[in-house]
Amino acid sequence: MKDLGQWTEEFKEAAKKLANELVNEAKEESNTYGEATRYIKRLNQQAYGDITDPEDHAGMKVNDAVCGLAIRMIHDEERSLPISRGENND
């Protein structure tokens, strides 16, 4: 039987895996980081279901968590880019 720490790690790894897949897809479908962020936000808004159905409810929570993590990953990547400075031809 797994202990609670093992479950926590498995949940984290599953969320990271799904978020990485989503980030890669968003970047493939987009030309800018802003477009990739909008792609993920659109996906997040499309999560729907019957709130009284436990599986639908769980799916919506997973969607929120993964999309939130994916947006954070996109923003972290964007923030780590070097500053682009134009050449001064004075």
PDB file of N, CA and C in Angstrom:
ATOM      1  N   MET A   1       0.830  -1.169   0.000  1.00  0.00           N
ATOM      2  CA  MET A   1       0.000   0.000   0.000  1.00  0.00           C
ATOM      3  C   MET A   1       0.890   1.254   0.000  1.00  0.00           C
ATOM      4  N   LYS A   2       0.464   2.264  -0.752  1.00  0.00           N
ATOM      5  CA  LYS A   2       1.226   3.504  -0.822  1.00  0.00           C
ATOM      6  C   LYS A   2       0.921   4.369   0.394  1.00  0.00           C
ATOM      7  N   ASP A   3       1.957   5.102   0.814  1.00  0.00           N
ATOM      8  CA  ASP A   3       1.685   6.052   1.888  1.00  0.00           C
ATOM      9  C   ASP A   3       1.224   7.374   1.272  1.00  0.00           C
ATOM     10  N   LEU A   4       0.796   8.296   2.101  1.00  0.00           N
ATOM     11  CA  LEU A   4       0.237   9.556   1.621  1.00  0.00           C
ATOM     12  C   LEU A   4       1.244  10.364   0.809  1.00  0.00           C
ATOM     13  N   GLY A   5       2.499  10.314   1.206  1.00  0.00           N
ATOM     14  CA  GLY A   5       3.537  11.038   0.472  1.00  0.00           C
ATOM     15  C   GLY A   5       3.696  10.524  -0.955  1.00  0.00           C
ATOM     16  N   GLN A   6       3.573   9.211  -1.121  1.00  0.00           N
ATOM     17  CA  GLN A   6       3.680   8.640  -2.467  1.00  0.00           C
ATOM     18  C   GLN A   6       2.514   9.103  -3.336  1.00  0.00           C
ATOM     19  N   TRP A   7       1.315   9.148  -2.767  1.00  0.00           N
ATOM     20  CA  TRP A   7       0.160   9.638  -3.528  1.00  0.00           C
ATOM     21  C   TRP A   7       0.356  11.093  -3.917  1.00  0.00           C
ATOM     22  N   THR A   8       0.844  11.881  -2.992  1.00  0.00           N
ATOM     23  CA  THR A   8       1.083  13.292  -3.278  1.00  0.00           C
ATOM     24  C   THR A   8       2.048  13.450  -4.443  1.00  0.00           C
ATOM     25  N   GLU A   9       3.132  12.692  -4.420  1.00  0.00           N
ATOM     26  CA  GLU A   9       4.114  12.752  -5.504  1.00  0.00           C
ATOM     27  C   GLU A   9       3.503  12.311  -6.835  1.00  0.00           C
ATOM     28  N   GLU A  10       2.694  11.257  -6.806  1.00  0.00           N
ATOM     29  CA  GLU A  10       2.056  10.791  -8.040  1.00  0.00           C
ATOM     30  C   GLU A  10       1.103  11.832  -8.606  1.00  0.00           C
ATOM     31  N   PHE A  11       0.341  12.502  -7.742  1.00  0.00           N
ATOM     32  CA  PHE A  11      -0.556  13.556  -8.197  1.00  0.00           C
ATOM     33  C   PHE A  11       0.237  14.706  -8.814  1.00  0.00           C
ATOM     34  N   LYS A  12       1.334  15.101  -8.156  1.00  0.00           N
ATOM     35  CA  LYS A  12       2.171  16.182  -8.677  1.00  0.00           C
ATOM     36  C   LYS A  12       2.756  15.815 -10.030  1.00  0.00           C
ATOM     37  N   GLU A  13       3.269  14.597 -10.147  1.00  0.00           N
ATOM     38  CA  GLU A  13       3.870  14.167 -11.404  1.00  0.00           C
ATOM     39  C   GLU A  13       2.833  14.102 -12.526  1.00  0.00           C
ATOM     40  N   ALA A  14       1.634  13.618 -12.205  1.00  0.00           N
ATOM     41  CA  ALA A  14       0.566  13.559 -13.206  1.00  0.00           C
ATOM     42  C   ALA A  14       0.183  14.961 -13.663  1.00  0.00           C
ATOM     43  N   ALA A  15       0.080  15.895 -12.724  1.00  0.00           N
ATOM     44  CA  ALA A  15      -0.268  17.276 -13.074  1.00  0.00           C
ATOM     45  C   ALA A  15       0.825  17.901 -13.937  1.00  0.00           C
ATOM     46  N   LYS A  16       2.096  17.684 -13.569  1.00  0.00           N
ATOM     47  CA  LYS A  16       3.201  18.237 -14.362  1.00  0.00           C
ATOM     48  C   LYS A  16       3.216  17.642 -15.767  1.00  0.00           C
ATOM     49  N   LYS A  17       2.973  16.346 -15.877  1.00  0.00           N
ATOM     50  CA  LYS A  17       2.967  15.698 -17.189  1.00  0.00           C
ATOM     51  C   LYS A  17       1.868  16.285 -18.079  1.00  0.00           C
ATOM     52  N   LEU A  18       0.659  16.405 -17.531  1.00  0.00           N
ATOM     53  CA  LEU A  18      -0.445  16.978 -18.302  1.00  0.00           C
ATOM     54  C   LEU A  18      -0.178  18.439 -18.654  1.00  0.00           C
ATOM     55  N   ALA A  19       0.356  19.204 -17.718  1.00  0.00           N
ATOM     56  CA  ALA A  19       0.654  20.611 -17.979  1.00  0.00           C
ATOM     57  C   ALA A  19       1.726  20.754 -19.054  1.00  0.00           C
ATOM     58  N   ASN A  20       2.758  19.911 -19.015  1.00  0.00           N
ATOM     59  CA  ASN A  20       3.799  19.955 -20.048  1.00  0.00           C
ATOM     60  C   ASN A  20       3.215  19.652 -21.425  1.00  0.00           C
ATOM     61  N   GLU A  21       2.344  18.654 -21.497  1.00  0.00           N
ATOM     62  CA  GLU A  21       1.705  18.326 -22.770  1.00  0.00           C
ATOM     63  C   GLU A  21       0.866  19.500 -23.267  1.00  0.00           C
ATOM     64  N   LEU A  22       0.138  20.137 -22.356  1.00  0.00           N
ATOM     65  CA  LEU A  22      -0.696  21.271 -22.729  1.00  0.00           C
ATOM     66  C   LEU A  22       0.152  22.455 -23.181  1.00  0.00           C
ATOM     67  N   VAL A  23       1.230  22.739 -22.484  1.00  0.00           N
ATOM     68  CA  VAL A  23       2.121  23.835 -22.875  1.00  0.00           C
ATOM     69  C   VAL A  23       2.697  23.571 -24.260  1.00  0.00           C
ATOM     70  N   ASN A  24       3.148  22.354 -24.505  1.00  0.00           N
ATOM     71  CA  ASN A  24       3.710  22.028 -25.820  1.00  0.00           C
ATOM     72  C   ASN A  24       2.673  22.208 -26.921  1.00  0.00           C
ATOM     73  N   GLU A  25       1.448  21.752 -26.678  1.00  0.00           N
ATOM     74  CA  GLU A  25       0.391  21.921 -27.681  1.00  0.00           C
ATOM     75  C   GLU A  25       0.066  23.394 -27.884  1.00  0.00           C
ATOM     76  N   ALA A  26      -0.035  24.143 -26.807  1.00  0.00           N
ATOM     77  CA  ALA A  26      -0.345  25.569 -26.913  1.00  0.00           C
ATOM     78  C   ALA A  26       0.730  26.304 -27.704  1.00  0.00           C
ATOM     79  N   LYS A  27       1.993  25.954 -27.476  1.00  0.00           N
ATOM     80  CA  LYS A  27       3.080  26.608 -28.212  1.00  0.00           C
ATOM     81  C   LYS A  27       3.088  26.208 -29.681  1.00  0.00           C
ATOM     82  N   GLU A  28       2.718  24.967 -29.975  1.00  0.00           N
ATOM     83  CA  GLU A  28       2.641  24.532 -31.376  1.00  0.00           C
ATOM     84  C   GLU A  28       1.527  25.264 -32.122  1.00  0.00           C
ATOM     85  N   GLU A  29       0.453  25.583 -31.430  1.00  0.00           N
ATOM     86  CA  GLU A  29      -0.712  26.219 -32.044  1.00  0.00           C
ATOM     87  C   GLU A  29      -0.626  27.745 -32.039  1.00  0.00           C
ATOM     88  N   SER A  30       0.452  28.302 -31.505  1.00  0.00           N
ATOM     89  CA  SER A  30       0.538  29.739 -31.302  1.00  0.00           C
ATOM     90  C   SER A  30       1.851  30.288 -31.841  1.00  0.00           C
ATOM     91  N   ASN A  31       1.842  31.613 -32.065  1.00  0.00           N
ATOM     92  CA  ASN A  31       3.053  32.288 -32.520  1.00  0.00           C
ATOM     93  C   ASN A  31       3.739  33.081 -31.418  1.00  0.00           C
ATOM     94  N   THR A  32       3.003  33.381 -30.354  1.00  0.00           N
ATOM     95  CA  THR A  32       3.561  34.159 -29.253  1.00  0.00           C
ATOM     96  C   THR A  32       3.171  33.522 -27.927  1.00  0.00           C
ATOM     97  N   TYR A  33       3.860  33.949 -26.867  1.00  0.00           N
ATOM     98  CA  TYR A  33       3.498  33.462 -25.539  1.00  0.00           C
ATOM     99  C   TYR A  33       2.103  33.935 -25.153  1.00  0.00           C
ATOM    100  N   GLY A  34       1.740  35.142 -25.586  1.00  0.00           N
ATOM    101  CA  GLY A  34       0.395  35.639 -25.305  1.00  0.00           C
ATOM    102  C   GLY A  34      -0.671  34.766 -25.940  1.00  0.00           C
ATOM    103  N   GLU A  35      -0.455  34.362 -27.186  1.00  0.00           N
ATOM    104  CA  GLU A  35      -1.407  33.481 -27.870  1.00  0.00           C
ATOM    105  C   GLU A  35      -1.472  32.118 -27.180  1.00  0.00           C
ATOM    106  N   ALA A  36      -0.330  31.614 -26.747  1.00  0.00           N
ATOM    107  CA  ALA A  36      -0.308  30.319 -26.063  1.00  0.00           C
ATOM    108  C   ALA A  36      -1.080  30.398 -24.745  1.00  0.00           C
ATOM    109  N   THR A  37      -0.939  31.507 -24.036  1.00  0.00           N
ATOM    110  CA  THR A  37      -1.689  31.700 -22.794  1.00  0.00           C
ATOM    111  C   THR A  37      -3.183  31.739 -23.073  1.00  0.00           C
ATOM    112  N   ARG A  38      -3.592  32.462 -24.108  1.00  0.00           N
ATOM    113  CA  ARG A  38      -5.013  32.530 -24.470  1.00  0.00           C
ATOM    114  C   ARG A  38      -5.546  31.154 -24.860  1.00  0.00           C
ATOM    115  N   TYR A  39      -4.736  30.366 -25.552  1.00  0.00           N
ATOM    116  CA  TYR A  39      -5.124  29.007 -25.938  1.00  0.00           C
ATOM    117  C   TYR A  39      -5.464  28.185 -24.693  1.00  0.00           C
ATOM    118  N   ILE A  40      -4.605  28.266 -23.688  1.00  0.00           N
ATOM    119  CA  ILE A  40      -4.821  27.506 -22.457  1.00  0.00           C
ATOM    120  C   ILE A  40      -6.047  28.034 -21.715  1.00  0.00           C
ATOM    121  N   LYS A  41      -6.214  29.350 -21.663  1.00  0.00           N
ATOM    122  CA  LYS A  41      -7.372  29.931 -20.983  1.00  0.00           C
ATOM    123  C   LYS A  41      -8.679  29.525 -21.665  1.00  0.00           C
ATOM    124  N   ARG A  42      -8.667  29.477 -23.007  1.00  0.00           N
ATOM    125  CA  ARG A  42      -9.863  29.026 -23.736  1.00  0.00           C
ATOM    126  C   ARG A  42     -10.200  27.588 -23.371  1.00  0.00           C
ATOM    127  N   LEU A  43      -9.189  26.747 -23.321  1.00  0.00           N
ATOM    128  CA  LEU A  43      -9.401  25.350 -22.942  1.00  0.00           C
ATOM    129  C   LEU A  43      -9.981  25.261 -21.534  1.00  0.00           C
ATOM    130  N   ASN A  44      -9.447  26.053 -20.642  1.00  0.00           N
ATOM    131  CA  ASN A  44      -9.915  26.040 -19.259  1.00  0.00           C
ATOM    132  C   ASN A  44     -11.387  26.456 -19.180  1.00  0.00           C
ATOM    133  N   GLN A  45     -11.805  27.398 -19.998  1.00  0.00           N
ATOM    134  CA  GLN A  45     -13.191  27.863 -19.988  1.00  0.00           C
ATOM    135  C   GLN A  45     -14.148  26.840 -20.583  1.00  0.00           C
ATOM    136  N   GLN A  46     -13.642  25.915 -21.366  1.00  0.00           N
ATOM    137  CA  GLN A  46     -14.502  24.929 -22.012  1.00  0.00           C
ATOM    138  C   GLN A  46     -14.808  23.732 -21.117  1.00  0.00           C
ATOM    139  N   ALA A  47     -14.212  23.694 -19.947  1.00  0.00           N
ATOM    140  CA  ALA A  47     -14.493  22.589 -19.021  1.00  0.00           C
ATOM    141  C   ALA A  47     -15.908  22.756 -18.491  1.00  0.00           C
ATOM    142  N   TYR A  48     -16.690  21.749 -18.692  1.00  0.00           N
ATOM    143  CA  TYR A  48     -18.067  21.819 -18.214  1.00  0.00           C
ATOM    144  C   TYR A  48     -18.531  20.423 -17.852  1.00  0.00           C
ATOM    145  N   GLY A  49     -19.628  20.379 -17.200  1.00  0.00           N
ATOM    146  CA  GLY A  49     -20.189  19.089 -16.801  1.00  0.00           C
ATOM    147  C   GLY A  49     -21.224  19.313 -15.727  1.00  0.00           C
ATOM    148  N   ASP A  50     -21.714  18.239 -15.231  1.00  0.00           N
ATOM    149  CA  ASP A  50     -22.719  18.257 -14.177  1.00  0.00           C
ATOM    150  C   ASP A  50     -22.002  18.280 -12.836  1.00  0.00           C
ATOM    151  N   ILE A  51     -22.124  19.381 -12.126  1.00  0.00           N
ATOM    152  CA  ILE A  51     -21.418  19.545 -10.863  1.00  0.00           C
ATOM    153  C   ILE A  51     -21.811  18.483  -9.845  1.00  0.00           C
ATOM    154  N   THR A  52     -22.985  17.869 -10.026  1.00  0.00           N
ATOM    155  CA  THR A  52     -23.412  16.829  -9.089  1.00  0.00           C
ATOM    156  C   THR A  52     -22.840  15.458  -9.441  1.00  0.00           C
ATOM    157  N   ASP A  53     -22.265  15.337 -10.641  1.00  0.00           N
ATOM    158  CA  ASP A  53     -21.631  14.081 -11.049  1.00  0.00           C
ATOM    159  C   ASP A  53     -20.186  14.104 -10.545  1.00  0.00           C
ATOM    160  N   PRO A  54     -19.821  13.180  -9.671  1.00  0.00           N
ATOM    161  CA  PRO A  54     -18.470  13.200  -9.096  1.00  0.00           C
ATOM    162  C   PRO A  54     -17.350  13.154 -10.141  1.00  0.00           C
ATOM    163  N   GLU A  55     -17.539  12.409 -11.227  1.00  0.00           N
ATOM    164  CA  GLU A  55     -16.491  12.335 -12.254  1.00  0.00           C
ATOM    165  C   GLU A  55     -16.378  13.647 -13.006  1.00  0.00           C
ATOM    166  N   ASP A  56     -17.499  14.270 -13.363  1.00  0.00           N
ATOM    167  CA  ASP A  56     -17.462  15.574 -14.020  1.00  0.00           C
ATOM    168  C   ASP A  56     -16.809  16.609 -13.113  1.00  0.00           C
ATOM    169  N   HIS A  57     -17.196  16.587 -11.856  1.00  0.00           N
ATOM    170  CA  HIS A  57     -16.658  17.550 -10.899  1.00  0.00           C
ATOM    171  C   HIS A  57     -15.146  17.377 -10.754  1.00  0.00           C
ATOM    172  N   ALA A  58     -14.684  16.146 -10.655  1.00  0.00           N
ATOM    173  CA  ALA A  58     -13.250  15.871 -10.557  1.00  0.00           C
ATOM    174  C   ALA A  58     -12.529  16.325 -11.826  1.00  0.00           C
ATOM    175  N   GLY A  59     -13.141  16.061 -12.982  1.00  0.00           N
ATOM    176  CA  GLY A  59     -12.534  16.484 -14.248  1.00  0.00           C
ATOM    177  C   GLY A  59     -12.379  17.992 -14.336  1.00  0.00           C
ATOM    178  N   MET A  60     -13.384  18.721 -13.852  1.00  0.00           N
ATOM    179  CA  MET A  60     -13.303  20.185 -13.876  1.00  0.00           C
ATOM    180  C   MET A  60     -12.203  20.686 -12.943  1.00  0.00           C
ATOM    181  N   LYS A  61     -12.046  20.041 -11.797  1.00  0.00           N
ATOM    182  CA  LYS A  61     -10.990  20.445 -10.861  1.00  0.00           C
ATOM    183  C   LYS A  61      -9.606  20.140 -11.434  1.00  0.00           C
ATOM    184  N   VAL A  62      -9.464  18.979 -12.079  1.00  0.00           N
ATOM    185  CA  VAL A  62      -8.190  18.638 -12.712  1.00  0.00           C
ATOM    186  C   VAL A  62      -7.891  19.634 -13.829  1.00  0.00           C
ATOM    187  N   ASN A  63      -8.905  19.964 -14.637  1.00  0.00           N
ATOM    188  CA  ASN A  63      -8.739  20.938 -15.710  1.00  0.00           C
ATOM    189  C   ASN A  63      -8.240  22.253 -15.140  1.00  0.00           C
ATOM    190  N   ASP A  64      -8.885  22.754 -14.088  1.00  0.00           N
ATOM    191  CA  ASP A  64      -8.463  24.019 -13.476  1.00  0.00           C
ATOM    192  C   ASP A  64      -7.020  23.950 -12.993  1.00  0.00           C
ATOM    193  N   ALA A  65      -6.684  22.866 -12.314  1.00  0.00           N
ATOM    194  CA  ALA A  65      -5.337  22.723 -11.760  1.00  0.00           C
ATOM    195  C   ALA A  65      -4.279  22.651 -12.862  1.00  0.00           C
ATOM    196  N   VAL A  66      -4.531  21.838 -13.879  1.00  0.00           N
ATOM    197  CA  VAL A  66      -3.553  21.654 -14.954  1.00  0.00           C
ATOM    198  C   VAL A  66      -3.417  22.935 -15.779  1.00  0.00           C
ATOM    199  N   CYS A  67      -4.534  23.581 -16.098  1.00  0.00           N
ATOM    200  CA  CYS A  67      -4.466  24.825 -16.869  1.00  0.00           C
ATOM    201  C   CYS A  67      -3.751  25.915 -16.078  1.00  0.00           C
ATOM    202  N   GLY A  68      -4.022  25.999 -14.784  1.00  0.00           N
ATOM    203  CA  GLY A  68      -3.325  26.980 -13.953  1.00  0.00           C
ATOM    204  C   GLY A  68      -1.833  26.738 -13.917  1.00  0.00           C
ATOM    205  N   LEU A  69      -1.441  25.489 -13.788  1.00  0.00           N
ATOM    206  CA  LEU A  69      -0.018  25.140 -13.789  1.00  0.00           C
ATOM    207  C   LEU A  69       0.606  25.429 -15.152  1.00  0.00           C
ATOM    208  N   ALA A  70      -0.097  25.114 -16.224  1.00  0.00           N
ATOM    209  CA  ALA A  70       0.427  25.350 -17.573  1.00  0.00           C
ATOM    210  C   ALA A  70       0.634  26.847 -17.823  1.00  0.00           C
ATOM    211  N   ILE A  71      -0.310  27.670 -17.381  1.00  0.00           N
ATOM    212  CA  ILE A  71      -0.158  29.120 -17.547  1.00  0.00           C
ATOM    213  C   ILE A  71       1.047  29.606 -16.755  1.00  0.00           C
ATOM    214  N   ARG A  72       1.220  29.095 -15.564  1.00  0.00           N
ATOM    215  CA  ARG A  72       2.382  29.473 -14.751  1.00  0.00           C
ATOM    216  C   ARG A  72       3.684  29.071 -15.450  1.00  0.00           C
ATOM    217  N   MET A  73       3.694  27.879 -16.044  1.00  0.00           N
ATOM    218  CA  MET A  73       4.892  27.400 -16.748  1.00  0.00           C
ATOM    219  C   MET A  73       5.214  28.296 -17.947  1.00  0.00           C
ATOM    220  N   ILE A  74       4.179  28.691 -18.688  1.00  0.00           N
ATOM    221  CA  ILE A  74       4.374  29.591 -19.839  1.00  0.00           C
ATOM    222  C   ILE A  74       4.938  30.927 -19.362  1.00  0.00           C
ATOM    223  N   HIS A  75       4.358  31.481 -18.304  1.00  0.00           N
ATOM    224  CA  HIS A  75       4.825  32.779 -17.795  1.00  0.00           C
ATOM    225  C   HIS A  75       6.250  32.685 -17.261  1.00  0.00           C
ATOM    226  N   ASP A  76       6.577  31.603 -16.568  1.00  0.00           N
ATOM    227  CA  ASP A  76       7.951  31.433 -16.072  1.00  0.00           C
ATOM    228  C   ASP A  76       8.939  31.350 -17.225  1.00  0.00           C
ATOM    229  N   GLU A  77       8.563  30.622 -18.269  1.00  0.00           N
ATOM    230  CA  GLU A  77       9.447  30.508 -19.437  1.00  0.00           C
ATOM    231  C   GLU A  77       9.618  31.863 -20.106  1.00  0.00           C
ATOM    232  N   GLU A  78       8.528  32.584 -20.261  1.00  0.00           N
ATOM    233  CA  GLU A  78       8.580  33.900 -20.895  1.00  0.00           C
ATOM    234  C   GLU A  78       9.446  34.861 -20.079  1.00  0.00           C
ATOM    235  N   ARG A  79       9.312  34.813 -18.773  1.00  0.00           N
ATOM    236  CA  ARG A  79      10.083  35.705 -17.898  1.00  0.00           C
ATOM    237  C   ARG A  79      11.570  35.397 -17.908  1.00  0.00           C
ATOM    238  N   SER A  80      11.942  34.185 -18.269  1.00  0.00           N
ATOM    239  CA  SER A  80      13.351  33.805 -18.254  1.00  0.00           C
ATOM    240  C   SER A  80      14.076  34.172 -19.553  1.00  0.00           C
ATOM    241  N   LEU A  81      13.325  34.695 -20.531  1.00  0.00           N
ATOM    242  CA  LEU A  81      13.959  35.066 -21.792  1.00  0.00           C
ATOM    243  C   LEU A  81      14.863  36.287 -21.598  1.00  0.00           C
ATOM    244  N   PRO A  82      15.967  36.332 -22.321  1.00  0.00           N
ATOM    245  CA  PRO A  82      16.847  37.499 -22.200  1.00  0.00           C
ATOM    246  C   PRO A  82      16.175  38.736 -22.802  1.00  0.00           C
ATOM    247  N   ILE A  83      16.596  39.878 -22.337  1.00  0.00           N
ATOM    248  CA  ILE A  83      16.080  41.136 -22.868  1.00  0.00           C
ATOM    249  C   ILE A  83      16.660  41.338 -24.250  1.00  0.00           C
ATOM    250  N   SER A  84      15.792  41.622 -25.190  1.00  0.00           N
ATOM    251  CA  SER A  84      16.226  41.865 -26.568  1.00  0.00           C
ATOM    252  C   SER A  84      16.508  43.342 -26.727  1.00  0.00           C
ATOM    253  N   ARG A  85      17.734  43.645 -27.051  1.00  0.00           N
ATOM    254  CA  ARG A  85      18.130  45.034 -27.257  1.00  0.00           C
ATOM    255  C   ARG A  85      18.502  45.213 -28.723  1.00  0.00           C
ATOM    256  N   GLY A  86      17.962  46.258 -29.330  1.00  0.00           N
ATOM    257  CA  GLY A  86      18.263  46.532 -30.731  1.00  0.00           C
ATOM    258  C   GLY A  86      19.673  47.070 -30.875  1.00  0.00           C
ATOM    259  N   GLU A  87      20.224  46.873 -32.044  1.00  0.00           N
ATOM    260  CA  GLU A  87      21.557  47.393 -32.350  1.00  0.00           C
ATOM    261  C   GLU A  87      21.463  48.894 -32.577  1.00  0.00           C
ATOM    262  N   ASN A  88      22.307  49.647 -31.929  1.00  0.00           N
ATOM    263  CA  ASN A  88      22.387  51.090 -32.161  1.00  0.00           C
ATOM    264  C   ASN A  88      23.400  51.350 -33.251  1.00  0.00           C
ATOM    265  N   ASN A  89      22.964  51.876 -34.347  1.00  0.00           N
ATOM    266  CA  ASN A  89      23.848  52.158 -35.484  1.00  0.00           C
ATOM    267  C   ASN A  89      24.154  53.647 -35.529  1.00  0.00           C
ATOM    268  N   ASP A  90      24.630  54.187 -34.418  1.00  0.00           N
ATOM    269  CA  ASP A  90      24.938  55.629 -34.367  1.00  0.00           C
ATOM    270  C   ASP A  90      26.260  55.909 -35.000  1.00  0.00           C
TER     271      ASP A  90
END
